[in-house]
Amino acid sequence: MIKVDVDVNVNLGYADVMTEVQHQKWGVKAFAEIFGVTPRTIRFYEDKGLLTPAREGGVRIFGPRDRLRFEKIMRGKRLGFSLEDIRAVFDITDGVVTDRAEVQRRKENFEAVIASLAERRRDLDILHRDMAEVISIADEALSSAPGSGSVADLAARYQAAFDEAVTGNPIDFMSGSPDIRSNTHITS
């Protein structure tokens, strides 16, 4: 029989970390620094009703819930959503909208957004592959001796790789079909 001694030293590490995270607090300046924005930006989102920090002695205090919420706001903005689009989502998740017909209408809008995001993800994947191919071709050109190939050769190799990757007319592929809609606006 093999005897194995295992020293398990938990020290409540996970519980301590979770307790610390749950009780983390930031003032407006520190909170803004986390996201690389100005305190004025944070106050703007508060004025728009998208953030509701606690107050201690008249000072804004942001907690983990505020941090998660602001991450969602910033992600939405990066993806091109308007503040009203973001508010439409928060109105549902915060329980502001309770009318069944309105919840149904918004749900349908959100489903349309999901479909649009899926289309954008496919486009991003294609663009990612395309750009990776361009980088590969550029690396190859840069690793060869100077003067051994021209920019025209690079362009020809890129076009050949591109033509191989797509079916149909490359011009149609790049411009998209009339059926593709990139509008992600959520009506509330």
N, C-alpha and C. Protein backbone atom coordinates (compact mmCIF):
# COMPACT_ATOMS: atom_id res chain seq x y z
N MET A 1 0.84 -1.17 0.00
CA MET A 1 0.00 0.00 0.00
C MET A 1 0.89 1.24 0.00
N ILE A 2 0.54 2.23 -0.84
CA ILE A 2 1.29 3.47 -0.93
C ILE A 2 0.63 4.48 -0.02
N LYS A 3 1.44 5.10 0.80
CA LYS A 3 0.92 6.11 1.71
C LYS A 3 1.29 7.49 1.15
N VAL A 4 0.29 8.35 1.02
CA VAL A 4 0.52 9.69 0.49
C VAL A 4 0.04 10.69 1.54
N ASP A 5 0.93 11.54 1.94
CA ASP A 5 0.57 12.62 2.85
C ASP A 5 0.25 13.85 2.01
N VAL A 6 -0.91 14.40 2.23
CA VAL A 6 -1.32 15.60 1.52
C VAL A 6 -1.60 16.68 2.54
N ASP A 7 -0.94 17.79 2.36
CA ASP A 7 -1.15 18.93 3.25
C ASP A 7 -2.09 19.89 2.54
N VAL A 8 -3.27 20.02 3.04
CA VAL A 8 -4.25 20.93 2.46
C VAL A 8 -4.31 22.16 3.34
N ASN A 9 -3.98 23.28 2.73
CA ASN A 9 -3.96 24.53 3.45
C ASN A 9 -4.91 25.50 2.77
N VAL A 10 -6.14 25.51 3.22
CA VAL A 10 -7.16 26.34 2.61
C VAL A 10 -7.13 27.74 3.19
N ASN A 11 -7.03 27.84 4.48
CA ASN A 11 -6.99 29.12 5.17
C ASN A 11 -8.16 30.04 4.80
N LEU A 12 -9.26 29.46 4.42
CA LEU A 12 -10.43 30.24 4.05
C LEU A 12 -10.13 31.27 2.97
N GLY A 13 -9.14 31.00 2.13
CA GLY A 13 -8.73 31.95 1.10
C GLY A 13 -9.86 32.40 0.20
N TYR A 14 -10.60 31.44 -0.33
CA TYR A 14 -11.69 31.79 -1.25
C TYR A 14 -12.75 32.61 -0.54
N ALA A 15 -13.14 32.17 0.66
CA ALA A 15 -14.16 32.90 1.42
C ALA A 15 -13.68 34.31 1.75
N ASP A 16 -12.40 34.44 2.11
CA ASP A 16 -11.86 35.77 2.41
C ASP A 16 -11.90 36.67 1.18
N VAL A 17 -11.48 36.11 0.05
CA VAL A 17 -11.48 36.89 -1.19
C VAL A 17 -12.90 37.32 -1.55
N MET A 18 -13.84 36.40 -1.47
CA MET A 18 -15.22 36.73 -1.81
C MET A 18 -15.78 37.79 -0.87
N THR A 19 -15.48 37.69 0.41
CA THR A 19 -15.95 38.69 1.36
C THR A 19 -15.34 40.04 1.03
N GLU A 20 -14.04 40.03 0.70
CA GLU A 20 -13.37 41.28 0.36
C GLU A 20 -13.98 41.90 -0.89
N VAL A 21 -14.23 41.09 -1.91
CA VAL A 21 -14.81 41.60 -3.16
C VAL A 21 -16.19 42.17 -2.90
N GLN A 22 -16.99 41.48 -2.10
CA GLN A 22 -18.34 41.94 -1.83
C GLN A 22 -18.35 43.27 -1.08
N HIS A 23 -17.29 43.55 -0.35
CA HIS A 23 -17.24 44.77 0.44
C HIS A 23 -16.34 45.84 -0.15
N GLN A 24 -15.83 45.62 -1.37
CA GLN A 24 -15.00 46.62 -2.00
C GLN A 24 -15.83 47.84 -2.30
N LYS A 25 -15.21 48.99 -2.09
CA LYS A 25 -15.88 50.26 -2.38
C LYS A 25 -14.87 51.18 -3.03
N TRP A 26 -15.38 52.01 -3.93
CA TRP A 26 -14.54 52.97 -4.61
C TRP A 26 -15.24 54.32 -4.62
N GLY A 27 -14.47 55.37 -4.50
CA GLY A 27 -14.98 56.71 -4.74
C GLY A 27 -15.05 56.92 -6.24
N VAL A 28 -15.61 58.05 -6.66
CA VAL A 28 -15.80 58.28 -8.09
C VAL A 28 -14.46 58.33 -8.83
N LYS A 29 -13.43 58.92 -8.25
CA LYS A 29 -12.14 59.01 -8.94
C LYS A 29 -11.52 57.63 -9.12
N ALA A 30 -11.49 56.82 -8.06
CA ALA A 30 -10.92 55.47 -8.15
C ALA A 30 -11.74 54.60 -9.09
N PHE A 31 -13.06 54.75 -9.03
CA PHE A 31 -13.94 53.97 -9.91
C PHE A 31 -13.67 54.32 -11.37
N ALA A 32 -13.51 55.61 -11.65
CA ALA A 32 -13.23 56.06 -13.01
C ALA A 32 -11.89 55.51 -13.49
N GLU A 33 -10.89 55.49 -12.61
CA GLU A 33 -9.57 54.98 -12.97
C GLU A 33 -9.60 53.50 -13.35
N ILE A 34 -10.46 52.74 -12.70
CA ILE A 34 -10.59 51.31 -13.02
C ILE A 34 -10.92 51.13 -14.50
N PHE A 35 -11.75 52.02 -15.03
CA PHE A 35 -12.25 51.89 -16.40
C PHE A 35 -11.52 52.79 -17.39
N GLY A 36 -10.58 53.58 -16.90
CA GLY A 36 -9.85 54.48 -17.80
C GLY A 36 -10.71 55.60 -18.35
N VAL A 37 -11.66 56.06 -17.55
CA VAL A 37 -12.50 57.18 -17.94
C VAL A 37 -12.35 58.28 -16.90
N THR A 38 -12.97 59.40 -17.16
CA THR A 38 -12.90 60.50 -16.21
C THR A 38 -14.04 60.41 -15.20
N PRO A 39 -13.87 61.03 -14.03
CA PRO A 39 -14.99 61.09 -13.08
C PRO A 39 -16.22 61.75 -13.70
N ARG A 40 -16.00 62.68 -14.60
CA ARG A 40 -17.11 63.34 -15.27
C ARG A 40 -17.94 62.34 -16.07
N THR A 41 -17.26 61.38 -16.70
CA THR A 41 -17.96 60.32 -17.45
C THR A 41 -18.83 59.50 -16.51
N ILE A 42 -18.30 59.15 -15.35
CA ILE A 42 -19.07 58.38 -14.37
C ILE A 42 -20.30 59.18 -13.94
N ARG A 43 -20.11 60.46 -13.65
CA ARG A 43 -21.24 61.30 -13.23
C ARG A 43 -22.27 61.43 -14.35
N PHE A 44 -21.81 61.45 -15.60
CA PHE A 44 -22.72 61.51 -16.75
C PHE A 44 -23.65 60.30 -16.75
N TYR A 45 -23.07 59.11 -16.59
CA TYR A 45 -23.89 57.90 -16.58
C TYR A 45 -24.81 57.86 -15.37
N GLU A 46 -24.36 58.43 -14.29
CA GLU A 46 -25.24 58.53 -13.11
C GLU A 46 -26.39 59.49 -13.41
N ASP A 47 -26.10 60.63 -14.02
CA ASP A 47 -27.15 61.60 -14.38
C ASP A 47 -28.17 60.99 -15.33
N LYS A 48 -27.71 60.07 -16.18
CA LYS A 48 -28.62 59.40 -17.13
C LYS A 48 -29.41 58.27 -16.47
N GLY A 49 -29.14 58.01 -15.18
CA GLY A 49 -29.87 56.99 -14.45
C GLY A 49 -29.37 55.57 -14.68
N LEU A 50 -28.20 55.42 -15.30
CA LEU A 50 -27.68 54.09 -15.58
C LEU A 50 -26.83 53.56 -14.42
N LEU A 51 -26.32 54.46 -13.60
CA LEU A 51 -25.58 54.09 -12.39
C LEU A 51 -26.25 54.74 -11.19
N THR A 52 -26.33 54.01 -10.10
CA THR A 52 -26.92 54.57 -8.88
C THR A 52 -26.05 54.19 -7.68
N PRO A 53 -24.91 54.87 -7.55
CA PRO A 53 -24.02 54.54 -6.44
C PRO A 53 -24.64 54.92 -5.10
N ALA A 54 -24.18 54.24 -4.06
CA ALA A 54 -24.60 54.60 -2.71
C ALA A 54 -23.96 55.94 -2.34
N ARG A 55 -24.46 56.55 -1.31
CA ARG A 55 -23.88 57.80 -0.82
C ARG A 55 -23.52 57.62 0.64
N GLU A 56 -22.35 58.07 0.96
CA GLU A 56 -21.91 58.07 2.35
C GLU A 56 -21.41 59.48 2.65
N GLY A 57 -22.19 60.20 3.45
CA GLY A 57 -21.82 61.59 3.75
C GLY A 57 -21.80 62.46 2.51
N GLY A 58 -22.67 62.18 1.56
CA GLY A 58 -22.75 62.96 0.33
C GLY A 58 -21.73 62.55 -0.73
N VAL A 59 -20.89 61.57 -0.43
CA VAL A 59 -19.87 61.11 -1.36
C VAL A 59 -20.36 59.86 -2.08
N ARG A 60 -20.17 59.83 -3.40
CA ARG A 60 -20.55 58.65 -4.17
C ARG A 60 -19.65 57.47 -3.78
N ILE A 61 -20.28 56.34 -3.52
CA ILE A 61 -19.55 55.13 -3.20
C ILE A 61 -20.03 54.03 -4.15
N PHE A 62 -19.10 53.51 -4.94
CA PHE A 62 -19.41 52.47 -5.91
C PHE A 62 -18.97 51.13 -5.37
N GLY A 63 -19.81 50.12 -5.55
CA GLY A 63 -19.51 48.78 -5.09
C GLY A 63 -19.41 47.81 -6.25
N PRO A 64 -19.26 46.52 -5.94
CA PRO A 64 -19.13 45.50 -6.98
C PRO A 64 -20.30 45.47 -7.97
N ARG A 65 -21.50 45.70 -7.49
CA ARG A 65 -22.67 45.72 -8.40
C ARG A 65 -22.55 46.86 -9.40
N ASP A 66 -22.10 48.04 -8.92
CA ASP A 66 -21.89 49.18 -9.81
C ASP A 66 -20.81 48.87 -10.85
N ARG A 67 -19.76 48.18 -10.40
CA ARG A 67 -18.66 47.84 -11.30
C ARG A 67 -19.15 46.92 -12.42
N LEU A 68 -19.89 45.89 -12.06
CA LEU A 68 -20.43 44.97 -13.06
C LEU A 68 -21.36 45.71 -14.02
N ARG A 69 -22.19 46.57 -13.49
CA ARG A 69 -23.13 47.32 -14.31
C ARG A 69 -22.38 48.24 -15.28
N PHE A 70 -21.34 48.91 -14.77
CA PHE A 70 -20.59 49.81 -15.66
C PHE A 70 -19.83 49.03 -16.72
N GLU A 71 -19.35 47.84 -16.38
CA GLU A 71 -18.71 46.99 -17.39
C GLU A 71 -19.70 46.69 -18.52
N LYS A 72 -20.95 46.42 -18.16
CA LYS A 72 -21.98 46.15 -19.18
C LYS A 72 -22.25 47.39 -20.02
N ILE A 73 -22.29 48.55 -19.37
CA ILE A 73 -22.51 49.81 -20.10
C ILE A 73 -21.39 50.03 -21.10
N MET A 74 -20.16 49.89 -20.63
CA MET A 74 -19.00 50.14 -21.49
C MET A 74 -18.96 49.13 -22.65
N ARG A 75 -19.29 47.88 -22.38
CA ARG A 75 -19.32 46.87 -23.44
C ARG A 75 -20.37 47.24 -24.48
N GLY A 76 -21.55 47.62 -24.02
CA GLY A 76 -22.60 48.03 -24.94
C GLY A 76 -22.18 49.21 -25.80
N LYS A 77 -21.54 50.20 -25.17
CA LYS A 77 -21.08 51.37 -25.92
C LYS A 77 -20.03 50.97 -26.96
N ARG A 78 -19.09 50.09 -26.59
CA ARG A 78 -18.07 49.64 -27.54
C ARG A 78 -18.69 48.95 -28.75
N LEU A 79 -19.81 48.27 -28.52
CA LEU A 79 -20.48 47.56 -29.61
C LEU A 79 -21.46 48.45 -30.38
N GLY A 80 -21.53 49.71 -30.01
CA GLY A 80 -22.34 50.66 -30.77
C GLY A 80 -23.76 50.85 -30.27
N PHE A 81 -24.08 50.33 -29.11
CA PHE A 81 -25.42 50.52 -28.57
C PHE A 81 -25.55 51.93 -27.98
N SER A 82 -26.71 52.51 -28.14
CA SER A 82 -26.97 53.82 -27.57
C SER A 82 -27.30 53.67 -26.08
N LEU A 83 -27.31 54.79 -25.37
CA LEU A 83 -27.68 54.74 -23.96
C LEU A 83 -29.13 54.28 -23.79
N GLU A 84 -29.97 54.63 -24.73
CA GLU A 84 -31.37 54.17 -24.66
C GLU A 84 -31.46 52.66 -24.87
N ASP A 85 -30.62 52.11 -25.75
CA ASP A 85 -30.57 50.66 -25.94
C ASP A 85 -30.18 49.98 -24.63
N ILE A 86 -29.16 50.52 -24.00
CA ILE A 86 -28.67 49.95 -22.75
C ILE A 86 -29.73 50.07 -21.66
N ARG A 87 -30.38 51.22 -21.61
CA ARG A 87 -31.45 51.42 -20.63
C ARG A 87 -32.59 50.43 -20.85
N ALA A 88 -32.90 50.12 -22.10
CA ALA A 88 -33.97 49.16 -22.41
C ALA A 88 -33.67 47.80 -21.79
N VAL A 89 -32.40 47.41 -21.83
CA VAL A 89 -32.01 46.14 -21.22
C VAL A 89 -32.11 46.23 -19.71
N PHE A 90 -31.55 47.30 -19.14
CA PHE A 90 -31.58 47.47 -17.68
C PHE A 90 -33.02 47.58 -17.16
N ASP A 91 -33.90 48.19 -17.93
CA ASP A 91 -35.31 48.30 -17.49
C ASP A 91 -35.91 46.92 -17.27
N ILE A 92 -35.51 45.97 -18.09
CA ILE A 92 -36.00 44.59 -17.92
C ILE A 92 -35.30 43.93 -16.73
N THR A 93 -33.98 44.00 -16.71
CA THR A 93 -33.24 43.30 -15.65
C THR A 93 -33.45 43.93 -14.28
N ASP A 94 -33.78 45.22 -14.25
CA ASP A 94 -34.04 45.89 -12.97
C ASP A 94 -35.51 45.78 -12.55
N GLY A 95 -36.35 45.22 -13.40
CA GLY A 95 -37.76 45.07 -13.06
C GLY A 95 -38.58 46.34 -13.22
N VAL A 96 -38.05 47.31 -13.98
CA VAL A 96 -38.76 48.57 -14.19
C VAL A 96 -39.98 48.35 -15.09
N VAL A 97 -39.80 47.52 -16.12
CA VAL A 97 -40.89 47.23 -17.05
C VAL A 97 -41.60 45.98 -16.54
N THR A 98 -42.88 46.12 -16.25
CA THR A 98 -43.65 44.98 -15.74
C THR A 98 -44.85 44.63 -16.61
N ASP A 99 -45.23 45.53 -17.50
CA ASP A 99 -46.35 45.27 -18.40
C ASP A 99 -45.99 44.12 -19.34
N ARG A 100 -46.82 43.08 -19.35
CA ARG A 100 -46.51 41.87 -20.13
C ARG A 100 -46.33 42.17 -21.62
N ALA A 101 -47.16 43.02 -22.17
CA ALA A 101 -47.06 43.34 -23.60
C ALA A 101 -45.74 44.05 -23.88
N GLU A 102 -45.33 44.94 -22.99
CA GLU A 102 -44.06 45.65 -23.17
C GLU A 102 -42.88 44.70 -23.00
N VAL A 103 -42.96 43.80 -22.04
CA VAL A 103 -41.90 42.81 -21.86
C VAL A 103 -41.79 41.96 -23.12
N GLN A 104 -42.92 41.54 -23.67
CA GLN A 104 -42.92 40.73 -24.89
C GLN A 104 -42.31 41.50 -26.05
N ARG A 105 -42.67 42.77 -26.20
CA ARG A 105 -42.15 43.60 -27.29
C ARG A 105 -40.63 43.73 -27.18
N ARG A 106 -40.17 43.99 -25.97
CA ARG A 106 -38.73 44.14 -25.77
C ARG A 106 -38.01 42.81 -25.98
N LYS A 107 -38.62 41.74 -25.53
CA LYS A 107 -38.02 40.41 -25.73
C LYS A 107 -37.80 40.16 -27.22
N GLU A 108 -38.79 40.49 -28.04
CA GLU A 108 -38.67 40.31 -29.48
C GLU A 108 -37.56 41.19 -30.05
N ASN A 109 -37.45 42.42 -29.54
CA ASN A 109 -36.37 43.30 -29.97
C ASN A 109 -35.01 42.71 -29.59
N PHE A 110 -34.91 42.17 -28.39
CA PHE A 110 -33.65 41.58 -27.93
C PHE A 110 -33.29 40.36 -28.78
N GLU A 111 -34.29 39.57 -29.17
CA GLU A 111 -34.03 38.42 -30.04
C GLU A 111 -33.49 38.88 -31.39
N ALA A 112 -34.01 40.00 -31.90
CA ALA A 112 -33.50 40.55 -33.16
C ALA A 112 -32.06 41.02 -32.99
N VAL A 113 -31.76 41.59 -31.84
CA VAL A 113 -30.39 42.03 -31.58
C VAL A 113 -29.45 40.83 -31.51
N ILE A 114 -29.89 39.77 -30.87
CA ILE A 114 -29.07 38.55 -30.79
C ILE A 114 -28.77 38.03 -32.19
N ALA A 115 -29.76 38.02 -33.05
CA ALA A 115 -29.54 37.56 -34.43
C ALA A 115 -28.54 38.47 -35.14
N SER A 116 -28.67 39.77 -34.93
CA SER A 116 -27.74 40.72 -35.54
C SER A 116 -26.33 40.53 -34.99
N LEU A 117 -26.22 40.29 -33.69
CA LEU A 117 -24.90 40.06 -33.09
C LEU A 117 -24.27 38.78 -33.63
N ALA A 118 -25.09 37.76 -33.85
CA ALA A 118 -24.57 36.51 -34.42
C ALA A 118 -24.01 36.76 -35.82
N GLU A 119 -24.70 37.58 -36.58
CA GLU A 119 -24.23 37.93 -37.93
C GLU A 119 -22.93 38.71 -37.84
N ARG A 120 -22.87 39.65 -36.91
CA ARG A 120 -21.64 40.43 -36.72
C ARG A 120 -20.49 39.53 -36.26
N ARG A 121 -20.78 38.54 -35.41
CA ARG A 121 -19.74 37.62 -34.96
C ARG A 121 -19.19 36.83 -36.15
N ARG A 122 -20.08 36.37 -37.02
CA ARG A 122 -19.62 35.65 -38.22
C ARG A 122 -18.74 36.57 -39.07
N ASP A 123 -19.17 37.82 -39.24
CA ASP A 123 -18.38 38.77 -40.01
C ASP A 123 -17.02 39.02 -39.35
N LEU A 124 -17.02 39.14 -38.03
CA LEU A 124 -15.76 39.35 -37.31
C LEU A 124 -14.83 38.15 -37.46
N ASP A 125 -15.39 36.95 -37.41
CA ASP A 125 -14.57 35.74 -37.58
C ASP A 125 -13.94 35.72 -38.97
N ILE A 126 -14.71 36.08 -39.97
CA ILE A 126 -14.19 36.11 -41.34
C ILE A 126 -13.11 37.19 -41.46
N LEU A 127 -13.39 38.35 -40.92
CA LEU A 127 -12.41 39.43 -40.96
C LEU A 127 -11.14 39.05 -40.20
N HIS A 128 -11.30 38.38 -39.08
CA HIS A 128 -10.15 37.93 -38.30
C HIS A 128 -9.27 36.99 -39.12
N ARG A 129 -9.90 36.01 -39.77
CA ARG A 129 -9.14 35.07 -40.61
C ARG A 129 -8.46 35.81 -41.76
N ASP A 130 -9.20 36.74 -42.36
CA ASP A 130 -8.67 37.51 -43.48
C ASP A 130 -7.45 38.33 -43.05
N MET A 131 -7.56 39.00 -41.92
CA MET A 131 -6.45 39.82 -41.44
C MET A 131 -5.27 38.95 -41.02
N ALA A 132 -5.53 37.79 -40.44
CA ALA A 132 -4.45 36.87 -40.08
C ALA A 132 -3.70 36.44 -41.34
N GLU A 133 -4.41 36.23 -42.43
CA GLU A 133 -3.78 35.87 -43.70
C GLU A 133 -2.93 37.03 -44.22
N VAL A 134 -3.44 38.25 -44.10
CA VAL A 134 -2.68 39.42 -44.53
C VAL A 134 -1.39 39.53 -43.71
N ILE A 135 -1.49 39.32 -42.41
CA ILE A 135 -0.31 39.38 -41.54
C ILE A 135 0.69 38.30 -41.93
N SER A 136 0.19 37.11 -42.21
CA SER A 136 1.07 36.00 -42.63
C SER A 136 1.80 36.36 -43.92
N ILE A 137 1.09 36.90 -44.86
CA ILE A 137 1.70 37.29 -46.13
C ILE A 137 2.70 38.42 -45.91
N ALA A 138 2.35 39.39 -45.07
CA ALA A 138 3.26 40.49 -44.77
C ALA A 138 4.51 39.98 -44.06
N ASP A 139 4.33 39.05 -43.11
CA ASP A 139 5.49 38.45 -42.42
C ASP A 139 6.41 37.77 -43.42
N GLU A 140 5.80 37.04 -44.34
CA GLU A 140 6.59 36.34 -45.37
C GLU A 140 7.36 37.34 -46.21
N ALA A 141 6.70 38.41 -46.61
CA ALA A 141 7.36 39.43 -47.43
C ALA A 141 8.47 40.12 -46.64
N LEU A 142 8.24 40.38 -45.37
CA LEU A 142 9.25 41.06 -44.55
C LEU A 142 10.43 40.16 -44.22
N SER A 143 10.19 38.85 -44.17
CA SER A 143 11.29 37.93 -43.84
C SER A 143 12.16 37.62 -45.05
N SER A 144 11.70 37.93 -46.24
CA SER A 144 12.50 37.68 -47.43
C SER A 144 13.49 38.82 -47.63
N ALA A 145 14.47 38.57 -48.43
CA ALA A 145 15.50 39.58 -48.68
C ALA A 145 14.89 40.80 -49.34
N PRO A 146 15.35 41.98 -48.94
CA PRO A 146 14.84 43.21 -49.59
C PRO A 146 15.05 43.15 -51.09
N GLY A 147 14.06 43.59 -51.82
CA GLY A 147 14.15 43.61 -53.28
C GLY A 147 13.76 42.31 -53.94
N SER A 148 13.47 41.25 -53.14
CA SER A 148 13.14 39.97 -53.76
C SER A 148 11.67 39.89 -54.16
N GLY A 149 10.89 40.82 -53.74
CA GLY A 149 9.48 40.83 -54.11
C GLY A 149 8.95 42.24 -54.01
N SER A 150 7.93 42.52 -54.73
CA SER A 150 7.39 43.87 -54.71
C SER A 150 6.06 43.89 -53.94
N VAL A 151 5.61 45.08 -53.69
CA VAL A 151 4.30 45.24 -53.06
C VAL A 151 3.23 44.62 -53.95
N ALA A 152 3.42 44.69 -55.24
CA ALA A 152 2.46 44.09 -56.17
C ALA A 152 2.40 42.58 -55.98
N ASP A 153 3.56 41.96 -55.74
CA ASP A 153 3.58 40.51 -55.48
C ASP A 153 2.80 40.20 -54.21
N LEU A 154 3.01 41.01 -53.18
CA LEU A 154 2.29 40.84 -51.92
C LEU A 154 0.79 40.95 -52.15
N ALA A 155 0.37 41.96 -52.90
CA ALA A 155 -1.05 42.15 -53.18
C ALA A 155 -1.62 40.97 -53.98
N ALA A 156 -0.85 40.46 -54.94
CA ALA A 156 -1.31 39.33 -55.75
C ALA A 156 -1.47 38.08 -54.90
N ARG A 157 -0.52 37.83 -53.98
CA ARG A 157 -0.64 36.66 -53.10
C ARG A 157 -1.85 36.81 -52.18
N TYR A 158 -2.07 38.01 -51.68
CA TYR A 158 -3.23 38.23 -50.82
C TYR A 158 -4.52 37.99 -51.59
N GLN A 159 -4.61 38.54 -52.78
CA GLN A 159 -5.83 38.38 -53.58
C GLN A 159 -6.06 36.91 -53.91
N ALA A 160 -5.02 36.17 -54.20
CA ALA A 160 -5.16 34.73 -54.51
C ALA A 160 -5.68 33.98 -53.29
N ALA A 161 -5.14 34.29 -52.11
CA ALA A 161 -5.62 33.64 -50.88
C ALA A 161 -7.06 34.03 -50.60
N PHE A 162 -7.39 35.28 -50.85
CA PHE A 162 -8.75 35.75 -50.62
C PHE A 162 -9.72 35.06 -51.58
N ASP A 163 -9.36 35.00 -52.85
CA ASP A 163 -10.22 34.37 -53.86
C ASP A 163 -10.45 32.90 -53.53
N GLU A 164 -9.43 32.25 -52.99
CA GLU A 164 -9.55 30.85 -52.63
C GLU A 164 -10.51 30.65 -51.45
N ALA A 165 -10.57 31.66 -50.58
CA ALA A 165 -11.37 31.55 -49.35
C ALA A 165 -12.85 31.83 -49.59
N VAL A 166 -13.16 32.55 -50.63
CA VAL A 166 -14.57 32.92 -50.86
C VAL A 166 -15.08 32.27 -52.12
N THR A 167 -16.38 32.08 -52.14
CA THR A 167 -17.01 31.59 -53.36
C THR A 167 -17.83 32.72 -53.93
N GLY A 168 -18.02 32.73 -55.18
CA GLY A 168 -18.78 33.81 -55.79
C GLY A 168 -17.88 35.01 -56.04
N ASN A 169 -18.48 36.14 -56.21
CA ASN A 169 -17.79 37.37 -56.53
C ASN A 169 -17.22 38.00 -55.26
N PRO A 170 -15.89 38.16 -55.17
CA PRO A 170 -15.30 38.76 -53.97
C PRO A 170 -15.85 40.15 -53.68
N ILE A 171 -16.20 40.90 -54.70
CA ILE A 171 -16.74 42.24 -54.49
C ILE A 171 -18.08 42.14 -53.76
N ASP A 172 -18.95 41.22 -54.18
CA ASP A 172 -20.23 41.02 -53.50
C ASP A 172 -20.01 40.59 -52.06
N PHE A 173 -19.02 39.73 -51.86
CA PHE A 173 -18.74 39.23 -50.52
C PHE A 173 -18.36 40.38 -49.59
N MET A 174 -17.50 41.27 -50.06
CA MET A 174 -17.02 42.36 -49.21
C MET A 174 -18.12 43.38 -48.93
N SER A 175 -19.01 43.61 -49.88
CA SER A 175 -20.03 44.62 -49.68
C SER A 175 -21.22 44.08 -48.91
N GLY A 176 -21.35 42.77 -48.81
CA GLY A 176 -22.49 42.19 -48.10
C GLY A 176 -23.71 42.15 -48.98
N SER A 177 -24.62 41.28 -48.64
CA SER A 177 -25.84 41.18 -49.42
C SER A 177 -26.85 42.19 -48.90
N PRO A 178 -27.85 42.53 -49.70
CA PRO A 178 -28.86 43.48 -49.26
C PRO A 178 -29.66 42.97 -48.05
N ASP A 179 -29.62 41.65 -47.79
CA ASP A 179 -30.38 41.11 -46.67
C ASP A 179 -29.71 41.33 -45.33
N ILE A 180 -28.39 41.60 -45.34
CA ILE A 180 -27.66 41.75 -44.08
C ILE A 180 -27.94 43.13 -43.50
N ARG A 181 -28.36 43.12 -42.26
CA ARG A 181 -28.62 44.37 -41.56
C ARG A 181 -27.65 44.47 -40.40
N SER A 182 -26.95 45.59 -40.30
CA SER A 182 -26.00 45.75 -39.21
C SER A 182 -26.57 46.65 -38.12
N ASN A 183 -27.84 47.00 -38.22
CA ASN A 183 -28.44 47.86 -37.23
C ASN A 183 -28.70 47.09 -35.94
N THR A 184 -28.14 47.56 -34.83
CA THR A 184 -28.31 46.89 -33.56
C THR A 184 -29.18 47.70 -32.62
N HIS A 185 -29.90 48.68 -33.14
CA HIS A 185 -30.69 49.56 -32.28
C HIS A 185 -31.85 48.79 -31.66
N ILE A 186 -31.99 48.95 -30.38
CA ILE A 186 -33.09 48.33 -29.64
C ILE A 186 -34.13 49.42 -29.41
N THR A 187 -35.34 49.17 -29.80
CA THR A 187 -36.37 50.16 -29.51
C THR A 187 -37.00 49.81 -28.18
N SER A 188 -37.21 50.82 -27.39
CA SER A 188 -37.75 50.56 -26.05
C SER A 188 -39.19 50.98 -25.92
